[in-house]
Amino acid sequence: MEPFADYSHSVSERLSALVAAGNLKSDPAQMEAAAAFDTVLGALKAAPLSSKSSALGWLFAKRAKKAHAPEGIYLYGSVGRGKTMLMDMFFELAPVRAKRRAHFHEFMADVHERIHKHRQLLKEGKTKQADPVPPVAAQIRDEAQLLCFDEFTVTDIADAMILSRLFTELFARGCVLVATSNVVPDNLYPDGLNRGLFVPFIAILKEHVKVMSLDARTDYRLEKVKQLPVYITPADERADALMESAWHEVTAGNKASPAEIPMKGRSVRVPMAAGKVARFSFADLCDKPLGASDFLAIAERYHTVFVERIPLLDADKRNETKRFIILIDTLYDHGVRLFATAAAKPEELLVIRRGTEGFEFDRTASRLFEMQSEDYLAEHARKFGES
């Protein structure tokens, strides 16, 4: 069953239902943001977006009138304020058949791939349009009238250089943008190379979205999360129940679903993810042929990782043990918060200690202890803006 299904028709109602059920505390800033999302929902219902643009629409762009579309929302604030939760509610309710929700970096990777394909067509003489941006914008508009981006941030110069032109084209075709971010628009791409070429995008963005700060009274996740056990042993039914409770508190109502992290020519499967939180079993990570680059991708994407059912590591699990060592090293080095259930305490997990592997696991056990410490968790909160 969908997490927000069947009991309301507005973001405000759904947020109020979570508060009434005791899953969230009432927060005026969140209610104000929910009301803004409801305004966009109302505008979408009252004035449906125009039909799909022509695949050759870019040919007539100079003569065509700008498509009318409701004003979108750019919601910014620190981690843990509920931005993703509110946008997920809005996206599910949005009365638009052609809509797309994605992390901004994934969207831009798709844009660059489309531009590359267009340039290949130009090279092969299959198109005479030298500028790839208008036809790419037309393709995106045909597929999605509503674009919802989680974690809107600009760090790549290749992205920065095309955003003004890309979104000028998208907005002209009637796209509506809803985005969450940790920073105000004026602070996007700070100190970036050739930032002067990026700055016009900020003005274009402000013209088409309502910029809102989610200056919530508290980080509602932390009030309970601070008290949660982060390493639970033994890995039994009680541990499963505690892990489920911790997952509920950490994700705080955000929609959870499977995800994939694209790698070169393949992808890393994430069984369950909600925003910046991911959930795996030990087998998902260590029984499979994953390596340091895969664990690095996980650590860079998620600030909190759940790992369930860590077993005793005996002589038959040498490869799994090596992967586990690399996994913990990577998560630790990136300040990732770990929630885990395990068959034994950290120092008792490795049944037989041999040579280098035994020495390395001493470091792993030490890091597992440190990752439970108040200092480590406080540093995690500081690093990811959770305090």
Protein backbone atom coordinates (compact mmCIF):
# COMPACT_ATOMS: atom_id res chain seq x y z
CA MET A 1 0.00 0.00 0.00
CA GLU A 2 1.24 3.51 -0.81
CA PRO A 3 2.38 5.33 2.34
CA PHE A 4 0.11 8.34 1.79
CA ALA A 5 -2.80 6.57 0.09
CA ASP A 6 -6.54 7.06 0.37
CA TYR A 7 -6.99 9.44 3.26
CA SER A 8 -6.53 12.94 1.85
CA HIS A 9 -6.48 15.12 -1.24
CA SER A 10 -3.98 17.82 -0.28
CA VAL A 11 -0.48 18.00 1.13
CA SER A 12 -1.81 19.86 4.17
CA GLU A 13 -4.30 17.09 4.92
CA ARG A 14 -1.68 14.39 4.59
CA LEU A 15 0.74 16.24 6.83
CA SER A 16 -2.01 16.82 9.40
CA ALA A 17 -2.87 13.10 9.30
CA LEU A 18 0.73 12.18 10.14
CA VAL A 19 0.69 14.64 13.03
CA ALA A 20 -2.66 13.30 14.28
CA ALA A 21 -1.29 9.74 14.14
CA GLY A 22 1.68 10.75 16.28
CA ASN A 23 4.23 10.11 13.53
CA LEU A 24 5.27 13.77 13.36
CA LYS A 25 5.14 16.78 15.64
CA SER A 26 3.13 19.77 14.48
CA ASP A 27 5.45 22.30 12.87
CA PRO A 28 4.22 25.70 11.57
CA ALA A 29 6.99 25.94 8.95
CA GLN A 30 6.06 22.58 7.47
CA MET A 31 2.37 23.52 7.42
CA GLU A 32 3.20 26.76 5.62
CA ALA A 33 5.19 24.87 2.99
CA ALA A 34 2.36 22.32 2.65
CA ALA A 35 -0.07 25.17 1.97
CA ALA A 36 2.23 26.47 -0.78
CA PHE A 37 2.31 23.03 -2.39
CA ASP A 38 -1.50 22.95 -2.21
CA THR A 39 -1.61 26.27 -4.05
CA VAL A 40 0.37 24.71 -6.90
CA LEU A 41 -1.93 21.67 -6.87
CA GLY A 42 -4.92 23.98 -7.15
CA ALA A 43 -3.36 25.88 -10.04
CA LEU A 44 -2.61 22.64 -11.86
CA LYS A 45 -6.21 21.48 -11.42
CA ALA A 46 -7.70 24.84 -12.45
CA ALA A 47 -5.47 25.34 -15.48
CA PRO A 48 -4.22 21.99 -16.82
CA LEU A 49 -0.90 22.16 -18.53
CA SER A 50 -0.79 22.29 -22.30
CA SER A 51 -0.52 19.11 -24.33
CA LYS A 52 2.74 17.62 -25.49
CA SER A 53 4.94 19.87 -27.57
CA SER A 54 5.81 18.88 -31.09
CA ALA A 55 9.01 16.94 -31.54
CA LEU A 56 9.90 19.67 -34.07
CA GLY A 57 8.73 22.47 -31.80
CA TRP A 58 12.19 23.98 -31.58
CA LEU A 59 11.92 24.93 -35.27
CA PHE A 60 9.13 27.37 -34.43
CA ALA A 61 10.37 28.51 -31.03
CA LYS A 62 10.94 32.12 -32.11
CA ARG A 63 7.38 32.49 -33.40
CA ALA A 64 5.65 30.47 -30.67
CA LYS A 65 4.16 32.14 -27.61
CA LYS A 66 5.44 31.04 -24.26
CA ALA A 67 3.34 28.27 -22.77
CA HIS A 68 1.44 29.32 -19.65
CA ALA A 69 2.17 27.24 -16.57
CA PRO A 70 1.65 27.62 -12.82
CA GLU A 71 4.50 28.90 -10.68
CA GLY A 72 6.57 26.12 -9.15
CA ILE A 73 8.33 25.91 -5.77
CA TYR A 74 11.97 25.94 -4.68
CA LEU A 75 12.03 24.73 -1.06
CA TYR A 76 15.33 25.03 0.77
CA GLY A 77 16.49 24.24 4.28
CA SER A 78 18.81 22.03 6.30
CA VAL A 79 18.83 18.25 6.21
CA GLY A 80 16.04 16.64 8.22
CA ARG A 81 13.49 19.43 7.89
CA GLY A 82 11.00 17.38 5.88
CA LYS A 83 11.56 18.82 2.40
CA THR A 84 11.64 15.47 0.60
CA MET A 85 8.60 14.20 2.51
CA LEU A 86 6.53 17.22 1.46
CA MET A 87 7.64 17.02 -2.17
CA ASP A 88 6.81 13.30 -2.31
CA MET A 89 3.30 14.05 -1.06
CA PHE A 90 2.93 16.79 -3.66
CA PHE A 91 4.26 14.63 -6.49
CA GLU A 92 1.86 11.80 -5.71
CA LEU A 93 -1.10 14.20 -5.66
CA ALA A 94 -0.13 16.27 -8.70
CA PRO A 95 -2.91 15.95 -11.34
CA VAL A 96 -0.42 15.63 -14.17
CA ARG A 97 -0.04 12.43 -16.13
CA ALA A 98 3.39 13.27 -17.55
CA LYS A 99 5.55 14.00 -14.50
CA ARG A 100 9.06 13.11 -13.44
CA ARG A 101 10.72 12.98 -10.03
CA ALA A 102 14.48 12.55 -9.85
CA HIS A 103 17.62 13.57 -8.03
CA PHE A 104 18.97 16.60 -9.88
CA HIS A 105 22.32 14.97 -10.68
CA GLU A 106 20.54 12.01 -12.30
CA PHE A 107 18.45 14.38 -14.39
CA MET A 108 21.50 16.30 -15.59
CA ALA A 109 23.33 13.07 -16.46
CA ASP A 110 20.34 12.22 -18.65
CA VAL A 111 20.46 15.68 -20.25
CA HIS A 112 24.14 15.33 -21.13
CA GLU A 113 23.49 11.88 -22.61
CA ARG A 114 20.73 13.32 -24.80
CA ILE A 115 22.99 16.15 -25.92
CA HIS A 116 25.70 13.64 -26.81
CA LYS A 117 23.24 11.59 -28.88
CA HIS A 118 22.05 14.71 -30.71
CA ARG A 119 25.62 15.65 -31.58
CA GLN A 120 26.16 12.16 -32.93
CA LEU A 121 23.10 12.62 -35.16
CA LEU A 122 24.52 15.94 -36.34
CA LYS A 123 27.85 14.32 -37.11
CA GLU A 124 26.09 11.56 -39.05
CA GLY A 125 24.08 14.12 -41.05
CA LYS A 126 20.75 12.96 -39.58
CA THR A 127 19.89 16.43 -38.28
CA LYS A 128 20.78 19.96 -39.32
CA GLN A 129 20.09 21.50 -35.93
CA ALA A 130 23.53 22.49 -34.62
CA ASP A 131 22.32 23.58 -31.18
CA PRO A 132 21.30 20.46 -29.21
CA VAL A 133 19.59 22.28 -26.33
CA PRO A 134 16.23 23.20 -27.95
CA PRO A 135 15.48 19.69 -29.28
CA VAL A 136 16.64 18.10 -26.02
CA ALA A 137 14.36 20.44 -24.06
CA ALA A 138 11.51 19.50 -26.41
CA GLN A 139 12.12 15.79 -25.74
CA ILE A 140 12.09 16.33 -21.97
CA ARG A 141 8.95 18.46 -22.17
CA ASP A 142 7.21 15.77 -24.22
CA GLU A 143 7.97 13.27 -21.47
CA ALA A 144 7.27 15.43 -18.42
CA GLN A 145 5.26 18.59 -17.92
CA LEU A 146 6.06 18.57 -14.19
CA LEU A 147 9.67 18.18 -13.04
CA CYS A 148 10.37 17.47 -9.36
CA PHE A 149 14.00 17.50 -8.24
CA ASP A 150 15.29 16.35 -4.89
CA GLU A 151 18.58 17.82 -3.63
CA PHE A 152 18.96 20.58 -6.21
CA THR A 153 22.64 21.49 -6.16
CA VAL A 154 25.08 22.55 -8.85
CA THR A 155 28.71 21.47 -8.55
CA ASP A 156 29.65 20.45 -12.09
CA ILE A 157 30.80 23.10 -14.55
CA ALA A 158 29.26 21.19 -17.45
CA ASP A 159 25.87 21.43 -15.72
CA ALA A 160 26.36 25.07 -14.76
CA MET A 161 27.13 26.14 -18.30
CA ILE A 162 23.90 24.85 -19.84
CA LEU A 163 21.33 25.42 -17.10
CA SER A 164 20.28 28.91 -18.21
CA ARG A 165 19.64 27.86 -21.78
CA LEU A 166 18.08 24.52 -20.87
CA PHE A 167 15.58 25.93 -18.40
CA THR A 168 14.78 28.93 -20.58
CA GLU A 169 13.66 26.38 -23.16
CA LEU A 170 11.83 24.18 -20.63
CA PHE A 171 9.94 27.05 -19.01
CA ALA A 172 9.05 28.47 -22.43
CA ARG A 173 7.45 25.11 -23.21
CA GLY A 174 5.33 25.21 -20.06
CA CYS A 175 7.29 22.99 -17.70
CA VAL A 176 6.61 23.40 -13.99
CA LEU A 177 9.56 22.98 -11.62
CA VAL A 178 9.40 21.89 -7.99
CA ALA A 179 12.72 21.41 -6.20
CA THR A 180 14.22 20.89 -2.77
CA SER A 181 17.68 22.09 -1.84
CA ASN A 182 19.93 22.76 1.12
CA VAL A 183 20.80 26.25 -0.13
CA VAL A 184 19.06 29.44 -1.22
CA PRO A 185 19.20 29.95 -5.03
CA ASP A 186 21.72 32.78 -4.75
CA ASN A 187 24.17 30.35 -3.15
CA LEU A 188 24.01 27.72 -5.88
CA TYR A 189 27.36 26.90 -7.55
CA PRO A 190 29.34 29.02 -5.05
CA ASP A 191 32.85 29.93 -6.17
CA GLY A 192 32.32 27.78 -9.25
CA LEU A 193 34.50 28.14 -12.32
CA ASN A 194 33.03 30.73 -14.71
CA ARG A 195 30.17 31.35 -12.26
CA GLY A 196 29.30 34.54 -14.15
CA LEU A 197 27.93 32.38 -16.96
CA PHE A 198 25.76 30.52 -14.45
CA VAL A 199 24.29 33.53 -12.62
CA PRO A 200 21.59 34.27 -15.25
CA PHE A 201 20.04 30.90 -14.39
CA ILE A 202 19.31 32.12 -10.85
CA ALA A 203 17.19 34.97 -12.22
CA ILE A 204 15.38 32.60 -14.57
CA LEU A 205 14.72 30.21 -11.69
CA LYS A 206 13.32 32.94 -9.42
CA GLU A 207 11.01 34.10 -12.20
CA HIS A 208 9.32 30.70 -12.42
CA VAL A 209 9.29 29.37 -8.85
CA LYS A 210 8.28 30.56 -5.41
CA VAL A 211 11.39 30.43 -3.24
CA MET A 212 10.61 29.22 0.28
CA SER A 213 12.73 28.52 3.33
CA LEU A 214 11.70 25.55 5.44
CA ASP A 215 13.00 27.08 8.63
CA ALA A 216 11.56 24.37 10.82
CA ARG A 217 11.52 24.79 14.58
CA THR A 218 13.39 21.52 15.12
CA ASP A 219 14.77 18.60 13.18
CA TYR A 220 11.88 16.29 13.99
CA ARG A 221 13.95 13.19 13.15
CA LEU A 222 16.68 13.84 15.66
CA GLU A 223 14.51 14.12 18.75
CA LYS A 224 13.88 10.37 18.68
CA VAL A 225 16.80 9.22 16.56
CA LYS A 226 19.34 10.39 19.15
CA GLN A 227 17.99 7.76 21.52
CA LEU A 228 17.96 4.87 19.05
CA PRO A 229 20.40 1.95 19.38
CA VAL A 230 22.72 1.95 16.38
CA TYR A 231 24.31 -1.49 16.80
CA ILE A 232 21.93 -4.23 17.93
CA THR A 233 22.91 -7.75 18.92
CA PRO A 234 22.04 -10.58 18.64
CA ALA A 235 20.35 -10.39 15.23
CA ASP A 236 17.04 -11.91 16.29
CA GLU A 237 13.36 -10.94 16.05
CA ARG A 238 13.81 -8.29 18.73
CA ALA A 239 16.65 -6.77 16.72
CA ASP A 240 14.48 -6.80 13.60
CA ALA A 241 11.74 -4.94 15.46
CA LEU A 242 14.19 -2.35 16.80
CA MET A 243 15.66 -1.88 13.33
CA GLU A 244 12.20 -1.38 11.85
CA SER A 245 11.44 1.22 14.49
CA ALA A 246 14.74 2.99 13.82
CA TRP A 247 14.03 2.99 10.07
CA HIS A 248 10.62 4.55 10.68
CA GLU A 249 12.09 7.28 12.87
CA VAL A 250 15.02 8.11 10.60
CA THR A 251 12.98 8.26 7.39
CA ALA A 252 10.17 10.13 9.18
CA GLY A 253 7.43 9.42 6.68
CA ASN A 254 9.52 9.82 3.52
CA LYS A 255 8.45 7.45 0.77
CA ALA A 256 10.77 4.42 0.59
CA SER A 257 11.41 2.41 -2.54
CA PRO A 258 14.17 0.41 -4.25
CA ALA A 259 16.85 2.42 -6.02
CA GLU A 260 19.90 1.97 -8.20
CA ILE A 261 23.22 3.79 -8.26
CA PRO A 262 24.54 3.96 -11.83
CA MET A 263 28.12 2.86 -12.27
CA LYS A 264 30.12 2.46 -15.46
CA GLY A 265 28.17 -0.05 -17.53
CA ARG A 266 26.25 -1.38 -14.52
CA SER A 267 24.51 -0.30 -11.34
CA VAL A 268 24.48 -0.98 -7.61
CA ARG A 269 21.07 -2.10 -6.39
CA VAL A 270 19.72 -0.50 -3.22
CA PRO A 271 16.89 -2.68 -1.84
CA MET A 272 15.24 0.25 -0.03
CA ALA A 273 15.98 3.96 0.11
CA ALA A 274 14.24 7.10 1.33
CA GLY A 275 15.98 10.38 0.60
CA LYS A 276 19.54 10.10 1.92
CA VAL A 277 18.88 6.91 3.90
CA ALA A 278 19.50 3.41 2.49
CA ARG A 279 18.74 -0.07 3.80
CA PHE A 280 20.62 -3.28 2.98
CA SER A 281 21.13 -6.76 4.35
CA PHE A 282 24.67 -8.01 4.91
CA ALA A 283 24.13 -10.38 1.98
CA ASP A 284 23.15 -7.47 -0.31
CA LEU A 285 26.52 -5.85 0.26
CA CYS A 286 29.01 -8.58 1.11
CA ASP A 287 27.79 -11.77 -0.56
CA LYS A 288 27.85 -10.07 -3.95
CA PRO A 289 30.95 -9.14 -5.97
CA LEU A 290 30.98 -5.50 -4.89
CA GLY A 291 34.17 -3.52 -4.39
CA ALA A 292 35.54 -0.28 -2.99
CA SER A 293 34.10 1.85 -5.79
CA ASP A 294 30.61 0.47 -5.13
CA PHE A 295 30.82 1.17 -1.40
CA LEU A 296 32.18 4.63 -2.17
CA ALA A 297 29.18 5.35 -4.37
CA ILE A 298 26.87 4.30 -1.54
CA ALA A 299 28.71 6.48 0.99
CA GLU A 300 28.58 9.48 -1.31
CA ARG A 301 24.87 9.10 -1.99
CA TYR A 302 23.55 8.22 1.50
CA HIS A 303 24.41 9.80 4.84
CA THR A 304 22.74 7.00 6.81
CA VAL A 305 23.00 3.28 6.01
CA PHE A 306 21.16 0.35 7.60
CA VAL A 307 22.89 -3.05 7.43
CA GLU A 308 20.90 -6.00 8.77
CA ARG A 309 21.83 -9.51 9.86
CA ILE A 310 25.63 -9.31 9.98
CA PRO A 311 26.64 -12.95 10.64
CA LEU A 312 29.58 -14.50 12.42
CA LEU A 313 32.48 -14.42 9.97
CA ASP A 314 34.25 -17.77 9.84
CA ALA A 315 36.78 -19.35 7.48
CA ASP A 316 34.09 -20.00 4.87
CA LYS A 317 33.37 -16.29 4.58
CA ARG A 318 36.79 -14.87 3.72
CA ASN A 319 35.58 -12.91 0.69
CA GLU A 320 32.56 -11.63 2.58
CA THR A 321 34.85 -10.60 5.46
CA LYS A 322 37.14 -8.64 3.14
CA ARG A 323 34.17 -6.83 1.62
CA PHE A 324 32.80 -6.06 5.08
CA ILE A 325 36.14 -4.56 6.13
CA ILE A 326 36.17 -2.33 3.04
CA LEU A 327 32.52 -1.38 3.58
CA ILE A 328 33.05 -0.25 7.18
CA ASP A 329 36.25 1.61 6.28
CA THR A 330 34.39 3.51 3.55
CA LEU A 331 31.35 4.37 5.64
CA TYR A 332 33.58 5.47 8.52
CA ASP A 333 35.82 7.62 6.32
CA HIS A 334 32.77 9.46 4.98
CA GLY A 335 31.12 9.98 8.35
CA VAL A 336 28.12 7.85 7.43
CA ARG A 337 25.78 6.95 10.27
CA LEU A 338 25.38 3.18 10.55
CA PHE A 339 22.45 1.25 11.98
CA ALA A 340 23.22 -2.47 12.19
CA THR A 341 22.01 -5.77 13.57
CA ALA A 342 24.67 -8.41 14.11
CA ALA A 343 25.16 -11.91 15.45
CA ALA A 344 27.71 -10.68 18.00
CA LYS A 345 29.55 -7.68 19.35
CA PRO A 346 32.08 -6.14 16.93
CA GLU A 347 35.13 -7.78 18.51
CA GLU A 348 33.44 -11.22 18.40
CA LEU A 349 32.25 -11.19 14.79
CA LEU A 350 35.43 -12.61 13.27
CA VAL A 351 35.57 -16.19 14.49
CA ILE A 352 39.12 -17.00 13.32
CA ARG A 353 41.80 -14.31 13.15
CA ARG A 354 44.59 -14.89 10.66
CA GLY A 355 47.44 -12.61 9.62
CA THR A 356 46.64 -9.37 7.82
CA GLU A 357 42.94 -10.12 7.73
CA GLY A 358 42.82 -10.45 11.53
CA PHE A 359 44.77 -7.21 11.96
CA GLU A 360 42.46 -5.37 9.58
CA PHE A 361 39.41 -6.66 11.38
CA ASP A 362 40.73 -5.25 14.65
CA ARG A 363 40.46 -1.86 12.95
CA THR A 364 36.97 -2.72 11.72
CA ALA A 365 35.80 -3.65 15.21
CA SER A 366 37.30 -0.47 16.60
CA ARG A 367 35.50 1.61 14.00
CA LEU A 368 32.21 -0.16 14.64
CA PHE A 369 32.55 0.83 18.29
CA GLU A 370 33.45 4.41 17.41
CA MET A 371 30.50 4.69 15.00
CA GLN A 372 28.24 4.08 18.01
CA SER A 373 29.86 6.85 20.04
CA GLU A 374 28.26 10.16 20.94
CA ASP A 375 31.18 12.06 19.39
CA TYR A 376 30.89 10.24 16.05
CA LEU A 377 27.12 10.75 15.88
CA ALA A 378 27.47 14.42 16.87
CA GLU A 379 30.05 14.93 14.12
CA HIS A 380 27.72 13.21 11.66
CA ALA A 381 24.92 15.59 12.66
CA ARG A 382 27.22 18.60 12.26
CA LYS A 383 28.53 17.44 8.88
CA PHE A 384 25.12 16.79 7.40
CA GLY A 385 23.37 19.75 8.96
CA GLU A 386 21.29 17.79 11.43
CA SER A 387 21.71 19.98 14.46
